Amino acid sequence: AGTGVGKSLAYSIPAISMALARGTRVLISTATVALQEQLVNK
C-alpha cells in the first residue's frame, strides 16, 4: 500500500481487536526506529 493509505491503523486495529477476542497477543515488527516511535508514542 502506498503512502497516505494509513497502513498502521489498518493493521493495528483489526489485529489488536482479534488478539483480545482470541486471548493472544500481537507482535508488530518494523525496520526503522521512526516507525517504532510513531507506533509507541502516537
All heavy atoms as atom14 arrays in JSON, in Angstrom:
{
  "sequence": "AGTGVGKSLAYSIPAISMALARGTRVLISTATVALQEQLVNK",
  "atom14_mask": [
    [1, 1, 1, 1, 1, 0, 0, 0, 0, 0, 0, 0, 0, 0],
    [1, 1, 1, 1, 0, 0, 0, 0, 0, 0, 0, 0, 0, 0],
    [1, 1, 1, 1, 1, 1, 1, 0, 0, 0, 0, 0, 0, 0],
    [1, 1, 1, 1, 0, 0, 0, 0, 0, 0, 0, 0, 0, 0],
    [1, 1, 1, 1, 1, 1, 1, 0, 0, 0, 0, 0, 0, 0],
    [1, 1, 1, 1, 0, 0, 0, 0, 0, 0, 0, 0, 0, 0],
    [1, 1, 1, 1, 1, 1, 1, 1, 1, 0, 0, 0, 0, 0],
    [1, 1, 1, 1, 1, 1, 0, 0, 0, 0, 0, 0, 0, 0],
    [1, 1, 1, 1, 1, 1, 1, 1, 0, 0, 0, 0, 0, 0],
    [1, 1, 1, 1, 1, 0, 0, 0, 0, 0, 0, 0, 0, 0],
    [1, 1, 1, 1, 1, 1, 1, 1, 1, 1, 1, 1, 0, 0],
    [1, 1, 1, 1, 1, 1, 0, 0, 0, 0, 0, 0, 0, 0],
    [1, 1, 1, 1, 1, 1, 1, 1, 0, 0, 0, 0, 0, 0],
    [1, 1, 1, 1, 1, 1, 1, 0, 0, 0, 0, 0, 0, 0],
    [1, 1, 1, 1, 1, 0, 0, 0, 0, 0, 0, 0, 0, 0],
    [1, 1, 1, 1, 1, 1, 1, 1, 0, 0, 0, 0, 0, 0],
    [1, 1, 1, 1, 1, 1, 0, 0, 0, 0, 0, 0, 0, 0],
    [1, 1, 1, 1, 1, 1, 1, 1, 0, 0, 0, 0, 0, 0],
    [1, 1, 1, 1, 1, 0, 0, 0, 0, 0, 0, 0, 0, 0],
    [1, 1, 1, 1, 1, 1, 1, 1, 0, 0, 0, 0, 0, 0],
    [1, 1, 1, 1, 1, 0, 0, 0, 0, 0, 0, 0, 0, 0],
    [1, 1, 1, 1, 1, 1, 1, 1, 1, 1, 1, 0, 0, 0],
    [1, 1, 1, 1, 0, 0, 0, 0, 0, 0, 0, 0, 0, 0],
    [1, 1, 1, 1, 1, 1, 1, 0, 0, 0, 0, 0, 0, 0],
    [1, 1, 1, 1, 1, 1, 1, 1, 1, 1, 1, 0, 0, 0],
    [1, 1, 1, 1, 1, 1, 1, 0, 0, 0, 0, 0, 0, 0],
    [1, 1, 1, 1, 1, 1, 1, 1, 0, 0, 0, 0, 0, 0],
    [1, 1, 1, 1, 1, 1, 1, 1, 0, 0, 0, 0, 0, 0],
    [1, 1, 1, 1, 1, 1, 0, 0, 0, 0, 0, 0, 0, 0],
    [1, 1, 1, 1, 1, 1, 1, 0, 0, 0, 0, 0, 0, 0],
    [1, 1, 1, 1, 1, 0, 0, 0, 0, 0, 0, 0, 0, 0],
    [1, 1, 1, 1, 1, 1, 1, 0, 0, 0, 0, 0, 0, 0],
    [1, 1, 1, 1, 1, 1, 1, 0, 0, 0, 0, 0, 0, 0],
    [1, 1, 1, 1, 1, 0, 0, 0, 0, 0, 0, 0, 0, 0],
    [1, 1, 1, 1, 1, 1, 1, 1, 0, 0, 0, 0, 0, 0],
    [1, 1, 1, 1, 1, 1, 1, 1, 1, 0, 0, 0, 0, 0],
    [1, 1, 1, 1, 1, 1, 1, 1, 1, 0, 0, 0, 0, 0],
    [1, 1, 1, 1, 1, 1, 1, 1, 1, 0, 0, 0, 0, 0],
    [1, 1, 1, 1, 1, 1, 1, 1, 0, 0, 0, 0, 0, 0],
    [1, 1, 1, 1, 1, 1, 1, 0, 0, 0, 0, 0, 0, 0],
    [1, 1, 1, 1, 1, 1, 1, 1, 0, 0, 0, 0, 0, 0],
    [1, 1, 1, 1, 1, 1, 1, 1, 1, 0, 0, 0, 0, 0]
  ],
  "atom14_positions": [
    [[0.86, -1.19, 0.0], [0.0, 0.0, 0.0], [0.88, 1.23, 0.0], [1.89, 1.29, 0.69], [-0.91, 0.0, 1.22], [0.0, 0.0, 0.0], [0.0, 0.0, 0.0], [0.0, 0.0, 0.0], [0.0, 0.0, 0.0], [0.0, 0.0, 0.0], [0.0, 0.0, 0.0], [0.0, 0.0, 0.0], [0.0, 0.0, 0.0], [0.0, 0.0, 0.0]],
    [[0.49, 2.23, -0.76], [1.28, 3.44, -0.91], [1.17, 4.37, 0.28], [0.39, 4.16, 1.21], [0.0, 0.0, 0.0], [0.0, 0.0, 0.0], [0.0, 0.0, 0.0], [0.0, 0.0, 0.0], [0.0, 0.0, 0.0], [0.0, 0.0, 0.0], [0.0, 0.0, 0.0], [0.0, 0.0, 0.0], [0.0, 0.0, 0.0], [0.0, 0.0, 0.0]],
    [[1.96, 5.42, 0.23], [1.93, 6.44, 1.28], [0.56, 7.1, 1.34], [-0.03, 7.41, 0.31], [3.01, 7.51, 0.99], [4.27, 6.87, 0.89], [3.05, 8.55, 2.1], [0.0, 0.0, 0.0], [0.0, 0.0, 0.0], [0.0, 0.0, 0.0], [0.0, 0.0, 0.0], [0.0, 0.0, 0.0], [0.0, 0.0, 0.0], [0.0, 0.0, 0.0]],
    [[0.08, 7.31, 2.55], [-1.19, 8.01, 2.72], [-2.39, 7.09, 2.9], [-3.49, 7.56, 3.19], [0.0, 0.0, 0.0], [0.0, 0.0, 0.0], [0.0, 0.0, 0.0], [0.0, 0.0, 0.0], [0.0, 0.0, 0.0], [0.0, 0.0, 0.0], [0.0, 0.0, 0.0], [0.0, 0.0, 0.0], [0.0, 0.0, 0.0], [0.0, 0.0, 0.0]],
    [[-2.17, 5.79, 2.74], [-3.28, 4.84, 2.92], [-3.66, 4.71, 4.39], [-4.82, 4.49, 4.73], [-2.91, 3.46, 2.32], [-3.92, 2.4, 2.73], [-2.83, 3.56, 0.8], [0.0, 0.0, 0.0], [0.0, 0.0, 0.0], [0.0, 0.0, 0.0], [0.0, 0.0, 0.0], [0.0, 0.0, 0.0], [0.0, 0.0, 0.0], [0.0, 0.0, 0.0]],
    [[-2.69, 4.88, 5.27], [-2.94, 4.7, 6.69], [-2.75, 3.26, 7.11], [-3.63, 2.66, 7.74], [0.0, 0.0, 0.0], [0.0, 0.0, 0.0], [0.0, 0.0, 0.0], [0.0, 0.0, 0.0], [0.0, 0.0, 0.0], [0.0, 0.0, 0.0], [0.0, 0.0, 0.0], [0.0, 0.0, 0.0], [0.0, 0.0, 0.0], [0.0, 0.0, 0.0]],
    [[-1.6, 2.71, 6.76], [-1.36, 1.28, 6.97], [-1.35, 0.89, 8.45], [-1.87, -0.16, 8.82], [-0.03, 0.89, 6.3], [-0.02, 1.04, 4.78], [1.27, 0.55, 4.18], [2.42, 1.5, 4.43], [2.25, 2.8, 3.74], [0.0, 0.0, 0.0], [0.0, 0.0, 0.0], [0.0, 0.0, 0.0], [0.0, 0.0, 0.0], [0.0, 0.0, 0.0]],
    [[-0.72, 1.71, 9.28], [-0.58, 1.3, 10.69], [-1.93, 1.15, 11.37], [-2.15, 0.21, 12.14], [0.31, 2.29, 11.45], [-0.25, 3.59, 11.42], [0.0, 0.0, 0.0], [0.0, 0.0, 0.0], [0.0, 0.0, 0.0], [0.0, 0.0, 0.0], [0.0, 0.0, 0.0], [0.0, 0.0, 0.0], [0.0, 0.0, 0.0], [0.0, 0.0, 0.0]],
    [[-2.88, 2.03, 11.07], [-4.23, 1.88, 11.64], [-4.95, 0.69, 11.01], [-5.68, -0.03, 11.69], [-5.06, 3.15, 11.4], [-4.79, 4.34, 12.33], [-5.71, 5.5, 11.96], [-4.98, 3.96, 13.78], [0.0, 0.0, 0.0], [0.0, 0.0, 0.0], [0.0, 0.0, 0.0], [0.0, 0.0, 0.0], [0.0, 0.0, 0.0], [0.0, 0.0, 0.0]],
    [[-4.71, 0.48, 9.71], [-5.41, -0.6, 9.0], [-5.03, -1.97, 9.53], [-5.84, -2.9, 9.49], [-5.13, -0.51, 7.5], [0.0, 0.0, 0.0], [0.0, 0.0, 0.0], [0.0, 0.0, 0.0], [0.0, 0.0, 0.0], [0.0, 0.0, 0.0], [0.0, 0.0, 0.0], [0.0, 0.0, 0.0], [0.0, 0.0, 0.0], [0.0, 0.0, 0.0]],
    [[-3.8, -2.14, 10.01], [-3.45, -3.46, 10.56], [-3.55, -3.5, 12.08], [-3.88, -4.55, 12.64], [-2.06, -3.91, 10.1], [-0.87, -3.11, 10.56], [-0.48, -3.08, 11.9], [-0.07, -2.42, 9.65], [0.64, -2.38, 12.32], [1.05, -1.71, 10.05], [1.4, -1.69, 11.39], [2.5, -0.99, 11.8], [0.0, 0.0, 0.0], [0.0, 0.0, 0.0]],
    [[-3.28, -2.39, 12.76], [-3.22, -2.46, 14.21], [-4.6, -2.61, 14.86], [-4.76, -3.39, 15.81], [-2.5, -1.24, 14.79], [-3.12, -0.04, 14.38], [0.0, 0.0, 0.0], [0.0, 0.0, 0.0], [0.0, 0.0, 0.0], [0.0, 0.0, 0.0], [0.0, 0.0, 0.0], [0.0, 0.0, 0.0], [0.0, 0.0, 0.0], [0.0, 0.0, 0.0]],
    [[-5.61, -1.92, 14.34], [-6.94, -2.03, 14.96], [-7.5, -3.45, 14.81], [-7.89, -4.07, 15.81], [-7.92, -1.0, 14.37], [-7.4, 0.42, 14.62], [-9.3, -1.16, 14.99], [-8.24, 1.5, 13.96], [0.0, 0.0, 0.0], [0.0, 0.0, 0.0], [0.0, 0.0, 0.0], [0.0, 0.0, 0.0], [0.0, 0.0, 0.0], [0.0, 0.0, 0.0]],
    [[-7.57, -4.02, 13.61], [-8.08, -5.4, 13.5], [-7.23, -6.41, 14.27], [-7.76, -7.34, 14.88], [-8.04, -5.68, 11.99], [-8.0, -4.36, 11.33], [-7.27, -3.46, 12.28], [0.0, 0.0, 0.0], [0.0, 0.0, 0.0], [0.0, 0.0, 0.0], [0.0, 0.0, 0.0], [0.0, 0.0, 0.0], [0.0, 0.0, 0.0], [0.0, 0.0, 0.0]],
    [[-5.9, -6.24, 14.23], [-5.01, -7.19, 14.89], [-5.22, -7.17, 16.4], [-5.31, -8.22, 17.04], [-3.55, -6.88, 14.55], [0.0, 0.0, 0.0], [0.0, 0.0, 0.0], [0.0, 0.0, 0.0], [0.0, 0.0, 0.0], [0.0, 0.0, 0.0], [0.0, 0.0, 0.0], [0.0, 0.0, 0.0], [0.0, 0.0, 0.0], [0.0, 0.0, 0.0]],
    [[-5.3, -5.98, 16.99], [-5.48, -5.87, 18.44], [-6.85, -6.39, 18.85], [-6.99, -7.14, 19.83], [-5.28, -4.41, 18.89], [-3.83, -3.98, 18.66], [-5.65, -4.25, 20.37], [-3.58, -2.5, 18.85], [0.0, 0.0, 0.0], [0.0, 0.0, 0.0], [0.0, 0.0, 0.0], [0.0, 0.0, 0.0], [0.0, 0.0, 0.0], [0.0, 0.0, 0.0]],
    [[-7.86, -6.0, 18.1], [-9.22, -6.48, 18.39], [-9.28, -7.99, 18.31], [-9.87, -8.67, 19.18], [-10.21, -5.86, 17.41], [-11.5, -6.38, 17.6], [0.0, 0.0, 0.0], [0.0, 0.0, 0.0], [0.0, 0.0, 0.0], [0.0, 0.0, 0.0], [0.0, 0.0, 0.0], [0.0, 0.0, 0.0], [0.0, 0.0, 0.0], [0.0, 0.0, 0.0]],
    [[-8.66, -8.57, 17.3], [-8.64, -10.02, 17.12], [-7.89, -10.7, 18.26], [-8.33, -11.73, 18.79], [-7.98, -10.37, 15.78], [-8.0, -11.83, 15.43], [-9.61, -12.39, 14.86], [-9.79, -11.39, 13.37], [0.0, 0.0, 0.0], [0.0, 0.0, 0.0], [0.0, 0.0, 0.0], [0.0, 0.0, 0.0], [0.0, 0.0, 0.0], [0.0, 0.0, 0.0]],
    [[-6.73, -10.14, 18.64], [-5.93, -10.74, 19.71], [-6.68, -10.73, 21.03], [-6.66, -11.72, 21.77], [-4.61, -9.99, 19.85], [0.0, 0.0, 0.0], [0.0, 0.0, 0.0], [0.0, 0.0, 0.0], [0.0, 0.0, 0.0], [0.0, 0.0, 0.0], [0.0, 0.0, 0.0], [0.0, 0.0, 0.0], [0.0, 0.0, 0.0], [0.0, 0.0, 0.0]],
    [[-7.35, -9.64, 21.33], [-8.11, -9.56, 22.58], [-9.26, -10.56, 22.58], [-9.55, -11.2, 23.6], [-8.64, -8.14, 22.79], [-7.57, -7.05, 23.0], [-8.2, -5.68, 23.07], [-6.76, -7.33, 24.27], [0.0, 0.0, 0.0], [0.0, 0.0, 0.0], [0.0, 0.0, 0.0], [0.0, 0.0, 0.0], [0.0, 0.0, 0.0], [0.0, 0.0, 0.0]],
    [[-9.91, -10.73, 21.42], [-11.03, -11.67, 21.32], [-10.54, -13.12, 21.44], [-11.24, -13.97, 22.0], [-11.76, -11.47, 20.0], [0.0, 0.0, 0.0], [0.0, 0.0, 0.0], [0.0, 0.0, 0.0], [0.0, 0.0, 0.0], [0.0, 0.0, 0.0], [0.0, 0.0, 0.0], [0.0, 0.0, 0.0], [0.0, 0.0, 0.0], [0.0, 0.0, 0.0]],
    [[-9.35, -13.39, 20.95], [-8.83, -14.76, 20.93], [-7.91, -15.08, 22.1], [-7.38, -16.19, 22.19], [-8.11, -15.03, 19.61], [-8.98, -14.85, 18.37], [-8.31, -15.33, 17.11], [-8.01, -16.75, 17.16], [-7.47, -17.45, 16.16], [-7.17, -16.83, 15.02], [-7.23, -18.73, 16.29], [0.0, 0.0, 0.0], [0.0, 0.0, 0.0], [0.0, 0.0, 0.0]],
    [[-7.69, -14.1, 22.98], [-6.85, -14.34, 24.14], [-5.39, -14.55, 23.83], [-4.7, -15.32, 24.48], [0.0, 0.0, 0.0], [0.0, 0.0, 0.0], [0.0, 0.0, 0.0], [0.0, 0.0, 0.0], [0.0, 0.0, 0.0], [0.0, 0.0, 0.0], [0.0, 0.0, 0.0], [0.0, 0.0, 0.0], [0.0, 0.0, 0.0], [0.0, 0.0, 0.0]],
    [[-4.9, -13.84, 22.8], [-3.49, -13.95, 22.45], [-2.88, -12.55, 22.37], [-3.46, -11.58, 22.86], [-3.33, -14.7, 21.1], [-1.94, -14.94, 20.86], [-3.92, -13.92, 19.95], [0.0, 0.0, 0.0], [0.0, 0.0, 0.0], [0.0, 0.0, 0.0], [0.0, 0.0, 0.0], [0.0, 0.0, 0.0], [0.0, 0.0, 0.0], [0.0, 0.0, 0.0]],
    [[-1.7, -12.46, 21.77], [-1.01, -11.17, 21.71], [-0.64, -10.82, 20.27], [-0.63, -11.67, 19.39], [0.25, -11.19, 22.57], [-0.06, -11.48, 24.04], [1.07, -10.99, 24.94], [2.18, -11.91, 24.99], [3.32, -11.66, 25.65], [3.48, -10.52, 26.28], [4.28, -12.54, 25.66], [0.0, 0.0, 0.0], [0.0, 0.0, 0.0], [0.0, 0.0, 0.0]],
    [[-0.32, -9.53, 20.07], [0.11, -9.04, 18.76], [1.56, -8.62, 18.84], [1.97, -7.9, 19.76], [-0.73, -7.81, 18.32], [-0.22, -7.3, 16.97], [-2.19, -8.16, 18.24], [0.0, 0.0, 0.0], [0.0, 0.0, 0.0], [0.0, 0.0, 0.0], [0.0, 0.0, 0.0], [0.0, 0.0, 0.0], [0.0, 0.0, 0.0], [0.0, 0.0, 0.0]],
    [[2.37, -9.09, 17.89], [3.76, -8.67, 17.77], [3.9, -7.9, 16.46], [3.65, -8.45, 15.39], [4.68, -9.88, 17.79], [6.17, -9.63, 17.53], [6.74, -8.63, 18.53], [6.95, -10.94, 17.58], [0.0, 0.0, 0.0], [0.0, 0.0, 0.0], [0.0, 0.0, 0.0], [0.0, 0.0, 0.0], [0.0, 0.0, 0.0], [0.0, 0.0, 0.0]],
    [[4.25, -6.62, 16.56], [4.44, -5.77, 15.38], [5.93, -5.52, 15.23], [6.58, -4.99, 16.12], [3.7, -4.42, 15.53], [2.21, -4.65, 15.75], [3.93, -3.55, 14.29], [1.43, -3.38, 16.06], [0.0, 0.0, 0.0], [0.0, 0.0, 0.0], [0.0, 0.0, 0.0], [0.0, 0.0, 0.0], [0.0, 0.0, 0.0], [0.0, 0.0, 0.0]],
    [[6.48, -5.91, 14.09], [7.9, -5.73, 13.84], [8.1, -4.73, 12.71], [7.46, -4.82, 11.66], [8.54, -7.08, 13.45], [9.92, -6.91, 13.19], [0.0, 0.0, 0.0], [0.0, 0.0, 0.0], [0.0, 0.0, 0.0], [0.0, 0.0, 0.0], [0.0, 0.0, 0.0], [0.0, 0.0, 0.0], [0.0, 0.0, 0.0], [0.0, 0.0, 0.0]],
    [[8.99, -3.76, 12.94], [9.26, -2.73, 11.94], [10.75, -2.75, 11.58], [11.55, -3.41, 12.23], [8.91, -1.33, 12.47], [9.95, -0.89, 13.36], [7.57, -1.32, 13.19], [0.0, 0.0, 0.0], [0.0, 0.0, 0.0], [0.0, 0.0, 0.0], [0.0, 0.0, 0.0], [0.0, 0.0, 0.0], [0.0, 0.0, 0.0], [0.0, 0.0, 0.0]],
    [[11.1, -1.99, 10.55], [12.5, -1.92, 10.14], [13.19, -0.67, 10.67], [14.41, -0.64, 10.8], [12.61, -1.96, 8.62], [0.0, 0.0, 0.0], [0.0, 0.0, 0.0], [0.0, 0.0, 0.0], [0.0, 0.0, 0.0], [0.0, 0.0, 0.0], [0.0, 0.0, 0.0], [0.0, 0.0, 0.0], [0.0, 0.0, 0.0], [0.0, 0.0, 0.0]],
    [[12.41, 0.38, 10.96], [13.01, 1.65, 11.32], [12.58, 2.1, 12.72], [11.48, 1.81, 13.18], [12.61, 2.75, 10.32], [11.18, 2.91, 10.35], [13.04, 2.37, 8.91], [0.0, 0.0, 0.0], [0.0, 0.0, 0.0], [0.0, 0.0, 0.0], [0.0, 0.0, 0.0], [0.0, 0.0, 0.0], [0.0, 0.0, 0.0], [0.0, 0.0, 0.0]],
    [[13.47, 2.85, 13.36], [13.17, 3.41, 14.68], [12.04, 4.43, 14.57], [11.19, 4.52, 15.46], [14.44, 4.08, 15.27], [14.12, 4.81, 16.56], [15.52, 3.03, 15.51], [0.0, 0.0, 0.0], [0.0, 0.0, 0.0], [0.0, 0.0, 0.0], [0.0, 0.0, 0.0], [0.0, 0.0, 0.0], [0.0, 0.0, 0.0], [0.0, 0.0, 0.0]],
    [[12.01, 5.18, 13.45], [10.98, 6.21, 13.28], [9.58, 5.61, 13.35], [8.68, 6.17, 14.01], [11.18, 6.93, 11.96], [0.0, 0.0, 0.0], [0.0, 0.0, 0.0], [0.0, 0.0, 0.0], [0.0, 0.0, 0.0], [0.0, 0.0, 0.0], [0.0, 0.0, 0.0], [0.0, 0.0, 0.0], [0.0, 0.0, 0.0], [0.0, 0.0, 0.0]],
    [[9.38, 4.47, 12.71], [8.06, 3.84, 12.74], [7.76, 3.26, 14.12], [6.61, 3.33, 14.6], [7.97, 2.75, 11.67], [6.61, 2.04, 11.55], [5.47, 3.05, 11.41], [6.61, 1.08, 10.36], [0.0, 0.0, 0.0], [0.0, 0.0, 0.0], [0.0, 0.0, 0.0], [0.0, 0.0, 0.0], [0.0, 0.0, 0.0], [0.0, 0.0, 0.0]],
    [[8.76, 2.71, 14.77], [8.56, 2.23, 16.14], [8.08, 3.36, 17.05], [7.14, 3.2, 17.83], [9.87, 1.67, 16.7], [10.22, 0.28, 16.2], [11.48, -0.23, 16.86], [12.53, 0.41, 16.8], [11.39, -1.37, 17.5], [0.0, 0.0, 0.0], [0.0, 0.0, 0.0], [0.0, 0.0, 0.0], [0.0, 0.0, 0.0], [0.0, 0.0, 0.0]],
    [[8.74, 4.5, 16.94], [8.38, 5.64, 17.79], [6.98, 6.15, 17.45], [6.22, 6.55, 18.35], [9.41, 6.76, 17.63], [10.78, 6.39, 18.22], [11.81, 7.48, 18.04], [11.57, 8.38, 17.19], [12.86, 7.43, 18.71], [0.0, 0.0, 0.0], [0.0, 0.0, 0.0], [0.0, 0.0, 0.0], [0.0, 0.0, 0.0], [0.0, 0.0, 0.0]],
    [[6.63, 6.13, 16.18], [5.28, 6.55, 15.79], [4.23, 5.64, 16.41], [3.22, 6.11, 16.94], [5.14, 6.53, 14.26], [3.71, 6.85, 13.78], [3.52, 6.57, 12.3], [4.4, 6.9, 11.5], [2.4, 5.96, 11.93], [0.0, 0.0, 0.0], [0.0, 0.0, 0.0], [0.0, 0.0, 0.0], [0.0, 0.0, 0.0], [0.0, 0.0, 0.0]],
    [[4.49, 4.35, 16.36], [3.53, 3.39, 16.92], [3.41, 3.52, 18.44], [2.31, 3.58, 18.98], [3.96, 1.96, 16.57], [3.79, 1.54, 15.1], [4.55, 0.25, 14.82], [2.32, 1.36, 14.77], [0.0, 0.0, 0.0], [0.0, 0.0, 0.0], [0.0, 0.0, 0.0], [0.0, 0.0, 0.0], [0.0, 0.0, 0.0], [0.0, 0.0, 0.0]],
    [[4.55, 3.57, 19.12], [4.55, 3.56, 20.58], [4.14, 4.91, 21.18], [3.47, 4.96, 22.21], [5.94, 3.13, 21.11], [6.03, 3.29, 22.61], [6.21, 1.69, 20.72], [0.0, 0.0, 0.0], [0.0, 0.0, 0.0], [0.0, 0.0, 0.0], [0.0, 0.0, 0.0], [0.0, 0.0, 0.0], [0.0, 0.0, 0.0], [0.0, 0.0, 0.0]],
    [[4.53, 5.99, 20.52], [4.28, 7.32, 21.09], [3.01, 7.99, 20.57], [2.51, 8.94, 21.19], [5.48, 8.23, 20.83], [6.74, 7.73, 21.48], [6.7, 7.14, 22.55], [7.88, 7.95, 20.83], [0.0, 0.0, 0.0], [0.0, 0.0, 0.0], [0.0, 0.0, 0.0], [0.0, 0.0, 0.0], [0.0, 0.0, 0.0], [0.0, 0.0, 0.0]],
    [[2.48, 7.5, 19.45], [1.33, 8.18, 18.84], [0.17, 7.23, 18.58], [-0.92, 7.37, 19.15], [1.75, 8.87, 17.53], [0.63, 9.6, 16.83], [1.12, 10.2, 15.51], [-0.03, 10.84, 14.73], [0.43, 11.35, 13.41], [0.0, 0.0, 0.0], [0.0, 0.0, 0.0], [0.0, 0.0, 0.0], [0.0, 0.0, 0.0], [0.0, 0.0, 0.0]]
  ]
}
